[in-house]
Amino acid sequence: AIFYTVLLEFSPEAIKGMEAGHWTDNLSIMTY
């Protein structure tokens, strides 16, 4: 989940199906 969250910080379009936002929100969604 941390790997995915860091990836979104550098590449917000890396994951489809979510809107990359604040890293705390990203971490929660990426945990799921």
Full PDB file with SEQRES, HELIX, SHEET, SSBOND, CRYST1, ORIGX, SCALE, CONECT and MASTER records, all heavy atoms in Angstrom:
SEQRES   1 A   32  ALA ILE PHE TYR THR VAL LEU LEU GLU PHE SER PRO GLU          
SEQRES   2 A   32  ALA ILE LYS GLY MET GLU ALA GLY HIS TRP THR ASP ASN          
SEQRES   3 A   32  LEU SER ILE MET THR TYR                                      
HELIX    1 AA1 ILE A    2  PHE A   10  1                                   9    
HELIX    2 AA2 TRP A   23  THR A   31  1                                   9    
CRYST1    1.000    1.000    1.000  90.00  90.00  90.00 P 1           1          
ORIGX1      1.000000  0.000000  0.000000        0.00000                         
ORIGX2      0.000000  1.000000  0.000000        0.00000                         
ORIGX3      0.000000  0.000000  1.000000        0.00000                         
SCALE1      1.000000  0.000000  0.000000        0.00000                         
SCALE2      0.000000  1.000000  0.000000        0.00000                         
SCALE3      0.000000  0.000000  1.000000        0.00000                         
ATOM      1  N   ALA A   1       0.835  -1.206   0.000  1.00  0.00           N  
ATOM      2  CA  ALA A   1       0.000   0.000   0.000  1.00  0.00           C  
ATOM      3  C   ALA A   1       0.869   1.254   0.000  1.00  0.00           C  
ATOM      4  O   ALA A   1       0.557   2.248  -0.674  1.00  0.00           O  
ATOM      5  CB  ALA A   1      -0.927  -0.004   1.217  1.00  0.00           C  
ATOM      6  N   ILE A   2       1.975   1.220   0.737  1.00  0.00           N  
ATOM      7  CA  ILE A   2       2.894   2.360   0.747  1.00  0.00           C  
ATOM      8  C   ILE A   2       3.569   2.514  -0.612  1.00  0.00           C  
ATOM      9  O   ILE A   2       3.730   3.631  -1.116  1.00  0.00           O  
ATOM     10  CB  ILE A   2       3.937   2.197   1.868  1.00  0.00           C  
ATOM     11  CG1 ILE A   2       3.247   2.254   3.228  1.00  0.00           C  
ATOM     12  CG2 ILE A   2       5.008   3.288   1.772  1.00  0.00           C  
ATOM     13  CD1 ILE A   2       4.170   2.026   4.406  1.00  0.00           C  
ATOM     14  N   PHE A   3       3.954   1.406  -1.227  1.00  0.00           N  
ATOM     15  CA  PHE A   3       4.546   1.476  -2.571  1.00  0.00           C  
ATOM     16  C   PHE A   3       3.596   2.176  -3.546  1.00  0.00           C  
ATOM     17  O   PHE A   3       3.991   3.062  -4.312  1.00  0.00           O  
ATOM     18  CB  PHE A   3       4.865   0.066  -3.094  1.00  0.00           C  
ATOM     19  CG  PHE A   3       6.043  -0.591  -2.442  1.00  0.00           C  
ATOM     20  CD1 PHE A   3       6.121  -1.964  -2.331  1.00  0.00           C  
ATOM     21  CD2 PHE A   3       7.103   0.165  -1.946  1.00  0.00           C  
ATOM     22  CE1 PHE A   3       7.209  -2.579  -1.736  1.00  0.00           C  
ATOM     23  CE2 PHE A   3       8.195  -0.428  -1.355  1.00  0.00           C  
ATOM     24  CZ  PHE A   3       8.248  -1.807  -1.246  1.00  0.00           C  
ATOM     25  N   TYR A   4       2.330   1.772  -3.525  1.00  0.00           N  
ATOM     26  CA  TYR A   4       1.342   2.368  -4.434  1.00  0.00           C  
ATOM     27  C   TYR A   4       1.125   3.850  -4.115  1.00  0.00           C  
ATOM     28  O   TYR A   4       0.978   4.672  -5.030  1.00  0.00           O  
ATOM     29  CB  TYR A   4       0.010   1.625  -4.331  1.00  0.00           C  
ATOM     30  CG  TYR A   4       0.044   0.190  -4.764  1.00  0.00           C  
ATOM     31  CD1 TYR A   4      -0.516  -0.814  -3.971  1.00  0.00           C  
ATOM     32  CD2 TYR A   4       0.628  -0.180  -5.973  1.00  0.00           C  
ATOM     33  CE1 TYR A   4      -0.485  -2.138  -4.372  1.00  0.00           C  
ATOM     34  CE2 TYR A   4       0.656  -1.508  -6.378  1.00  0.00           C  
ATOM     35  CZ  TYR A   4       0.101  -2.485  -5.569  1.00  0.00           C  
ATOM     36  OH  TYR A   4       0.140  -3.800  -5.961  1.00  0.00           O  
ATOM     37  N   THR A   5       1.102   4.183  -2.829  1.00  0.00           N  
ATOM     38  CA  THR A   5       0.893   5.575  -2.436  1.00  0.00           C  
ATOM     39  C   THR A   5       2.029   6.466  -2.915  1.00  0.00           C  
ATOM     40  O   THR A   5       1.794   7.567  -3.437  1.00  0.00           O  
ATOM     41  CB  THR A   5       0.760   5.683  -0.906  1.00  0.00           C  
ATOM     42  OG1 THR A   5      -0.331   4.860  -0.467  1.00  0.00           O  
ATOM     43  CG2 THR A   5       0.487   7.124  -0.484  1.00  0.00           C  
ATOM     44  N   VAL A   6       3.254   6.004  -2.746  1.00  0.00           N  
ATOM     45  CA  VAL A   6       4.413   6.766  -3.230  1.00  0.00           C  
ATOM     46  C   VAL A   6       4.366   6.887  -4.748  1.00  0.00           C  
ATOM     47  O   VAL A   6       4.664   7.948  -5.316  1.00  0.00           O  
ATOM     48  CB  VAL A   6       5.727   6.099  -2.778  1.00  0.00           C  
ATOM     49  CG1 VAL A   6       6.932   6.778  -3.422  1.00  0.00           C  
ATOM     50  CG2 VAL A   6       5.857   6.146  -1.253  1.00  0.00           C  
ATOM     51  N   LEU A   7       3.985   5.813  -5.421  1.00  0.00           N  
ATOM     52  CA  LEU A   7       3.877   5.852  -6.887  1.00  0.00           C  
ATOM     53  C   LEU A   7       2.894   6.924  -7.331  1.00  0.00           C  
ATOM     54  O   LEU A   7       3.156   7.668  -8.288  1.00  0.00           O  
ATOM     55  CB  LEU A   7       3.447   4.484  -7.412  1.00  0.00           C  
ATOM     56  CG  LEU A   7       3.210   4.379  -8.920  1.00  0.00           C  
ATOM     57  CD1 LEU A   7       4.498   4.676  -9.692  1.00  0.00           C  
ATOM     58  CD2 LEU A   7       2.672   3.001  -9.286  1.00  0.00           C  
ATOM     59  N   LEU A   8       1.765   7.041  -6.633  1.00  0.00           N  
ATOM     60  CA  LEU A   8       0.773   8.047  -6.991  1.00  0.00           C  
ATOM     61  C   LEU A   8       1.289   9.465  -6.786  1.00  0.00           C  
ATOM     62  O   LEU A   8       0.850  10.398  -7.467  1.00  0.00           O  
ATOM     63  CB  LEU A   8      -0.505   7.848  -6.175  1.00  0.00           C  
ATOM     64  CG  LEU A   8      -1.398   6.682  -6.586  1.00  0.00           C  
ATOM     65  CD1 LEU A   8      -2.565   6.531  -5.626  1.00  0.00           C  
ATOM     66  CD2 LEU A   8      -1.909   6.865  -8.012  1.00  0.00           C  
ATOM     67  N   GLU A   9       2.213   9.651  -5.840  1.00  0.00           N  
ATOM     68  CA  GLU A   9       2.785  10.975  -5.627  1.00  0.00           C  
ATOM     69  C   GLU A   9       3.583  11.428  -6.844  1.00  0.00           C  
ATOM     70  O   GLU A   9       3.640  12.615  -7.167  1.00  0.00           O  
ATOM     71  CB  GLU A   9       3.686  10.966  -4.384  1.00  0.00           C  
ATOM     72  CG  GLU A   9       2.943  10.837  -3.070  1.00  0.00           C  
ATOM     73  CD  GLU A   9       2.041  12.028  -2.797  1.00  0.00           C  
ATOM     74  OE1 GLU A   9       2.537  13.170  -2.862  1.00  0.00           O  
ATOM     75  OE2 GLU A   9       0.845  11.816  -2.536  1.00  0.00           O  
ATOM     76  N   PHE A  10       4.217  10.483  -7.528  1.00  0.00           N  
ATOM     77  CA  PHE A  10       5.028  10.807  -8.711  1.00  0.00           C  
ATOM     78  C   PHE A  10       4.260  10.634 -10.016  1.00  0.00           C  
ATOM     79  O   PHE A  10       4.581  11.275 -11.012  1.00  0.00           O  
ATOM     80  CB  PHE A  10       6.285   9.921  -8.739  1.00  0.00           C  
ATOM     81  CG  PHE A  10       7.246  10.190  -7.621  1.00  0.00           C  
ATOM     82  CD1 PHE A  10       7.242   9.420  -6.473  1.00  0.00           C  
ATOM     83  CD2 PHE A  10       8.152  11.249  -7.705  1.00  0.00           C  
ATOM     84  CE1 PHE A  10       8.123   9.674  -5.427  1.00  0.00           C  
ATOM     85  CE2 PHE A  10       9.040  11.508  -6.675  1.00  0.00           C  
ATOM     86  CZ  PHE A  10       9.027  10.732  -5.530  1.00  0.00           C  
ATOM     87  N   SER A  11       3.261   9.752  -9.998  1.00  0.00           N  
ATOM     88  CA  SER A  11       2.519   9.461 -11.222  1.00  0.00           C  
ATOM     89  C   SER A  11       1.035   9.288 -10.883  1.00  0.00           C  
ATOM     90  O   SER A  11       0.555   8.155 -10.711  1.00  0.00           O  
ATOM     91  CB  SER A  11       3.077   8.193 -11.889  1.00  0.00           C  
ATOM     92  OG  SER A  11       2.369   7.878 -13.066  1.00  0.00           O  
ATOM     93  N   PRO A  12       0.292  10.402 -10.759  1.00  0.00           N  
ATOM     94  CA  PRO A  12      -1.117  10.332 -10.332  1.00  0.00           C  
ATOM     95  C   PRO A  12      -2.005   9.509 -11.259  1.00  0.00           C  
ATOM     96  O   PRO A  12      -3.067   9.048 -10.826  1.00  0.00           O  
ATOM     97  CB  PRO A  12      -1.547  11.802 -10.341  1.00  0.00           C  
ATOM     98  CG  PRO A  12      -0.278  12.583 -10.199  1.00  0.00           C  
ATOM     99  CD  PRO A  12       0.757  11.785 -10.929  1.00  0.00           C  
ATOM    100  N   GLU A  13      -1.575   9.331 -12.508  1.00  0.00           N  
ATOM    101  CA  GLU A  13      -2.404   8.576 -13.459  1.00  0.00           C  
ATOM    102  C   GLU A  13      -2.055   7.090 -13.472  1.00  0.00           C  
ATOM    103  O   GLU A  13      -2.575   6.329 -14.299  1.00  0.00           O  
ATOM    104  CB  GLU A  13      -2.224   9.155 -14.861  1.00  0.00           C  
ATOM    105  CG  GLU A  13      -0.899   8.844 -15.565  1.00  0.00           C  
ATOM    106  CD  GLU A  13       0.275   9.664 -15.018  1.00  0.00           C  
ATOM    107  OE1 GLU A  13       0.035  10.561 -14.190  1.00  0.00           O  
ATOM    108  OE2 GLU A  13       1.421   9.384 -15.423  1.00  0.00           O  
ATOM    109  N   ALA A  14      -1.212   6.630 -12.558  1.00  0.00           N  
ATOM    110  CA  ALA A  14      -0.732   5.243 -12.577  1.00  0.00           C  
ATOM    111  C   ALA A  14      -1.822   4.232 -12.249  1.00  0.00           C  
ATOM    112  O   ALA A  14      -1.761   3.081 -12.678  1.00  0.00           O  
ATOM    113  CB  ALA A  14       0.441   5.079 -11.605  1.00  0.00           C  
ATOM    114  N   ILE A  15      -2.823   4.658 -11.476  1.00  0.00           N  
ATOM    115  CA  ILE A  15      -3.905   3.763 -11.057  1.00  0.00           C  
ATOM    116  C   ILE A  15      -5.231   4.291 -11.587  1.00  0.00           C  
ATOM    117  O   ILE A  15      -5.596   5.440 -11.347  1.00  0.00           O  
ATOM    118  CB  ILE A  15      -3.980   3.648  -9.523  1.00  0.00           C  
ATOM    119  CG1 ILE A  15      -2.624   3.233  -8.946  1.00  0.00           C  
ATOM    120  CG2 ILE A  15      -5.060   2.661  -9.112  1.00  0.00           C  
ATOM    121  CD1 ILE A  15      -2.198   1.830  -9.246  1.00  0.00           C  
ATOM    122  N   LYS A  16      -5.953   3.463 -12.323  1.00  0.00           N  
ATOM    123  CA  LYS A  16      -7.247   3.854 -12.881  1.00  0.00           C  
ATOM    124  C   LYS A  16      -8.368   3.446 -11.938  1.00  0.00           C  
ATOM    125  O   LYS A  16      -8.293   2.418 -11.277  1.00  0.00           O  
ATOM    126  CB  LYS A  16      -7.454   3.172 -14.241  1.00  0.00           C  
ATOM    127  CG  LYS A  16      -8.745   3.559 -14.948  1.00  0.00           C  
ATOM    128  CD  LYS A  16      -8.832   2.915 -16.321  1.00  0.00           C  
ATOM    129  CE  LYS A  16      -9.010   1.408 -16.213  1.00  0.00           C  
ATOM    130  NZ  LYS A  16      -9.245   0.779 -17.533  1.00  0.00           N  
ATOM    131  N   GLY A  17      -9.421   4.285 -11.879  1.00  0.00           N  
ATOM    132  CA  GLY A  17     -10.572   3.956 -11.054  1.00  0.00           C  
ATOM    133  C   GLY A  17     -10.634   4.763  -9.774  1.00  0.00           C  
ATOM    134  O   GLY A  17     -11.509   4.536  -8.936  1.00  0.00           O  
ATOM    135  N   MET A  18      -9.696   5.702  -9.613  1.00  0.00           N  
ATOM    136  CA  MET A  18      -9.694   6.572  -8.445  1.00  0.00           C  
ATOM    137  C   MET A  18      -9.133   7.920  -8.838  1.00  0.00           C  
ATOM    138  O   MET A  18      -8.433   8.046  -9.831  1.00  0.00           O  
ATOM    139  CB  MET A  18      -8.848   5.975  -7.320  1.00  0.00           C  
ATOM    140  CG  MET A  18      -7.378   5.789  -7.676  1.00  0.00           C  
ATOM    141  SD  MET A  18      -6.326   5.476  -6.263  1.00  0.00           S  
ATOM    142  CE  MET A  18      -6.308   7.057  -5.442  1.00  0.00           C  
ATOM    143  N   GLU A  19      -9.496   8.926  -8.074  1.00  0.00           N  
ATOM    144  CA  GLU A  19      -8.956  10.256  -8.283  1.00  0.00           C  
ATOM    145  C   GLU A  19      -7.856  10.487  -7.277  1.00  0.00           C  
ATOM    146  O   GLU A  19      -8.103  10.559  -6.077  1.00  0.00           O  
ATOM    147  CB  GLU A  19     -10.060  11.305  -8.088  1.00  0.00           C  
ATOM    148  CG  GLU A  19     -10.259  12.171  -9.327  1.00  0.00           C  
ATOM    149  CD  GLU A  19     -11.336  13.205  -9.105  1.00  0.00           C  
ATOM    150  OE1 GLU A  19     -11.025  14.270  -8.565  1.00  0.00           O  
ATOM    151  OE2 GLU A  19     -12.477  12.911  -9.474  1.00  0.00           O  
ATOM    152  N   ALA A  20      -6.614  10.567  -7.750  1.00  0.00           N  
ATOM    153  CA  ALA A  20      -5.491  10.775  -6.843  1.00  0.00           C  
ATOM    154  C   ALA A  20      -5.635  12.123  -6.158  1.00  0.00           C  
ATOM    155  O   ALA A  20      -5.812  13.150  -6.812  1.00  0.00           O  
ATOM    156  CB  ALA A  20      -4.172  10.701  -7.611  1.00  0.00           C  
ATOM    157  N   GLY A  21      -5.607  12.121  -4.837  1.00  0.00           N  
ATOM    158  CA  GLY A  21      -5.748  13.354  -4.078  1.00  0.00           C  
ATOM    159  C   GLY A  21      -4.654  13.501  -3.053  1.00  0.00           C  
ATOM    160  O   GLY A  21      -3.487  13.185  -3.321  1.00  0.00           O  
ATOM    161  N   HIS A  22      -5.022  13.947  -1.845  1.00  0.00           N  
ATOM    162  CA  HIS A  22      -4.054  14.069  -0.759  1.00  0.00           C  
ATOM    163  C   HIS A  22      -3.504  12.690  -0.417  1.00  0.00           C  
ATOM    164  O   HIS A  22      -4.213  11.692  -0.479  1.00  0.00           O  
ATOM    165  CB  HIS A  22      -4.732  14.697   0.460  1.00  0.00           C  
ATOM    166  CG  HIS A  22      -3.769  15.146   1.514  1.00  0.00           C  
ATOM    167  ND1 HIS A  22      -3.361  14.326   2.536  1.00  0.00           N  
ATOM    168  CD2 HIS A  22      -3.127  16.327   1.694  1.00  0.00           C  
ATOM    169  CE1 HIS A  22      -2.515  14.975   3.332  1.00  0.00           C  
ATOM    170  NE2 HIS A  22      -2.355  16.202   2.824  1.00  0.00           N  
ATOM    171  N   TRP A  23      -2.228  12.649  -0.049  1.00  0.00           N  
ATOM    172  CA  TRP A  23      -1.589  11.346   0.147  1.00  0.00           C  
ATOM    173  C   TRP A  23      -2.253  10.518   1.243  1.00  0.00           C  
ATOM    174  O   TRP A  23      -2.231   9.277   1.176  1.00  0.00           O  
ATOM    175  CB  TRP A  23      -0.101  11.515   0.428  1.00  0.00           C  
ATOM    176  CG  TRP A  23       0.244  12.101   1.772  1.00  0.00           C  
ATOM    177  CD1 TRP A  23       0.411  13.413   2.081  1.00  0.00           C  
ATOM    178  CD2 TRP A  23       0.471  11.371   2.981  1.00  0.00           C  
ATOM    179  NE1 TRP A  23       0.723  13.565   3.402  1.00  0.00           N  
ATOM    180  CE2 TRP A  23       0.777  12.325   3.983  1.00  0.00           C  
ATOM    181  CE3 TRP A  23       0.454  10.026   3.320  1.00  0.00           C  
ATOM    182  CZ2 TRP A  23       1.053  11.962   5.298  1.00  0.00           C  
ATOM    183  CZ3 TRP A  23       0.732   9.660   4.639  1.00  0.00           C  
ATOM    184  CH2 TRP A  23       1.031  10.619   5.604  1.00  0.00           C  
ATOM    185  N   THR A  24      -2.874  11.154   2.232  1.00  0.00           N  
ATOM    186  CA  THR A  24      -3.556  10.388   3.272  1.00  0.00           C  
ATOM    187  C   THR A  24      -4.768   9.648   2.707  1.00  0.00           C  
ATOM    188  O   THR A  24      -5.033   8.507   3.073  1.00  0.00           O  
ATOM    189  CB  THR A  24      -3.998  11.312   4.423  1.00  0.00           C  
ATOM    190  OG1 THR A  24      -4.768  12.401   3.895  1.00  0.00           O  
ATOM    191  CG2 THR A  24      -2.796  11.873   5.157  1.00  0.00           C  
ATOM    192  N   ASP A  25      -5.492  10.311   1.800  1.00  0.00           N  
ATOM    193  CA  ASP A  25      -6.609   9.638   1.135  1.00  0.00           C  
ATOM    194  C   ASP A  25      -6.099   8.537   0.221  1.00  0.00           C  
ATOM    195  O   ASP A  25      -6.686   7.445   0.149  1.00  0.00           O  
ATOM    196  CB  ASP A  25      -7.432  10.644   0.330  1.00  0.00           C  
ATOM    197  CG  ASP A  25      -8.157  11.648   1.216  1.00  0.00           C  
ATOM    198  OD1 ASP A  25      -8.538  11.272   2.336  1.00  0.00           O  
ATOM    199  OD2 ASP A  25      -8.329  12.804   0.793  1.00  0.00           O  
ATOM    200  N   ASN A  26      -5.020   8.828  -0.502  1.00  0.00           N  
ATOM    201  CA  ASN A  26      -4.437   7.823  -1.383  1.00  0.00           C  
ATOM    202  C   ASN A  26      -4.006   6.581  -0.613  1.00  0.00           C  
ATOM    203  O   ASN A  26      -4.198   5.444  -1.060  1.00  0.00           O  
ATOM    204  CB  ASN A  26      -3.224   8.400  -2.124  1.00  0.00           C  
ATOM    205  CG  ASN A  26      -3.609   9.483  -3.118  1.00  0.00           C  
ATOM    206  OD1 ASN A  26      -4.770   9.598  -3.511  1.00  0.00           O  
ATOM    207  ND2 ASN A  26      -2.635  10.282  -3.519  1.00  0.00           N  
ATOM    208  N   LEU A  27      -3.405   6.795   0.568  1.00  0.00           N  
ATOM    209  CA  LEU A  27      -2.924   5.671   1.376  1.00  0.00           C  
ATOM    210  C   LEU A  27      -4.078   4.773   1.796  1.00  0.00           C  
ATOM    211  O   LEU A  27      -3.972   3.533   1.737  1.00  0.00           O  
ATOM    212  CB  LEU A  27      -2.184   6.196   2.609  1.00  0.00           C  
ATOM    213  CG  LEU A  27      -1.635   5.136   3.578  1.00  0.00           C  
ATOM    214  CD1 LEU A  27      -0.666   4.206   2.869  1.00  0.00           C  
ATOM    215  CD2 LEU A  27      -0.965   5.802   4.773  1.00  0.00           C  
ATOM    216  N   SER A  28      -5.188   5.371   2.182  1.00  0.00           N  
ATOM    217  CA  SER A  28      -6.344   4.588   2.598  1.00  0.00           C  
ATOM    218  C   SER A  28      -6.905   3.768   1.442  1.00  0.00           C  
ATOM    219  O   SER A  28      -7.179   2.568   1.578  1.00  0.00           O  
ATOM    220  CB  SER A  28      -7.425   5.512   3.159  1.00  0.00           C  
ATOM    221  OG  SER A  28      -8.554   4.775   3.552  1.00  0.00           O  
ATOM    222  N   ILE A  29      -7.052   4.399   0.280  1.00  0.00           N  
ATOM    223  CA  ILE A  29      -7.593   3.692  -0.891  1.00  0.00           C  
ATOM    224  C   ILE A  29      -6.616   2.635  -1.385  1.00  0.00           C  
ATOM    225  O   ILE A  29      -7.005   1.526  -1.766  1.00  0.00           O  
ATOM    226  CB  ILE A  29      -7.919   4.690  -2.014  1.00  0.00           C  
ATOM    227  CG1 ILE A  29      -8.989   5.674  -1.551  1.00  0.00           C  
ATOM    228  CG2 ILE A  29      -8.399   3.957  -3.267  1.00  0.00           C  
ATOM    229  CD1 ILE A  29      -9.246   6.805  -2.520  1.00  0.00           C  
ATOM    230  N   MET A  30      -5.332   2.959  -1.365  1.00  0.00           N  
ATOM    231  CA  MET A  30      -4.325   2.004  -1.829  1.00  0.00           C  
ATOM    232  C   MET A  30      -4.172   0.828  -0.867  1.00  0.00           C  
ATOM    233  O   MET A  30      -3.728  -0.249  -1.272  1.00  0.00           O  
ATOM    234  CB  MET A  30      -2.986   2.714  -2.025  1.00  0.00           C  
ATOM    235  CG  MET A  30      -2.932   3.625  -3.249  1.00  0.00           C  
ATOM    236  SD  MET A  30      -3.214   2.746  -4.826  1.00  0.00           S  
ATOM    237  CE  MET A  30      -4.975   2.989  -5.081  1.00  0.00           C  
ATOM    238  N   THR A  31      -4.531   1.028   0.381  1.00  0.00           N  
ATOM    239  CA  THR A  31      -4.544  -0.094   1.324  1.00  0.00           C  
ATOM    240  C   THR A  31      -5.610  -1.102   0.907  1.00  0.00           C  
ATOM    241  O   THR A  31      -5.374  -2.323   0.893  1.00  0.00           O  
ATOM    242  CB  THR A  31      -4.803   0.398   2.755  1.00  0.00           C  
ATOM    243  OG1 THR A  31      -3.738   1.281   3.144  1.00  0.00           O  
ATOM    244  CG2 THR A  31      -4.849  -0.774   3.724  1.00  0.00           C  
ATOM    245  N   TYR A  32      -6.783  -0.587   0.572  1.00  0.00           N  
ATOM    246  CA  TYR A  32      -7.851  -1.460   0.059  1.00  0.00           C  
ATOM    247  C   TYR A  32      -7.389  -2.173  -1.212  1.00  0.00           C  
ATOM    248  O   TYR A  32      -7.510  -3.400  -1.336  1.00  0.00           O  
ATOM    249  CB  TYR A  32      -9.102  -0.628  -0.216  1.00  0.00           C  
ATOM    250  CG  TYR A  32     -10.042  -1.247  -1.215  1.00  0.00           C  
ATOM    251  CD1 TYR A  32     -10.873  -2.313  -0.856  1.00  0.00           C  
ATOM    252  CD2 TYR A  32     -10.097  -0.772  -2.521  1.00  0.00           C  
ATOM    253  CE1 TYR A  32     -11.724  -2.892  -1.776  1.00  0.00           C  
ATOM    254  CE2 TYR A  32     -10.951  -1.338  -3.446  1.00  0.00           C  
ATOM    255  CZ  TYR A  32     -11.763  -2.408  -3.074  1.00  0.00           C  
ATOM    256  OH  TYR A  32     -12.600  -2.976  -4.003  1.00  0.00           O  
TER     257      TYR A  32                                                      
MASTER        0    0    0    2    0    0    0    6  256    1    0    3          
END                                                                             
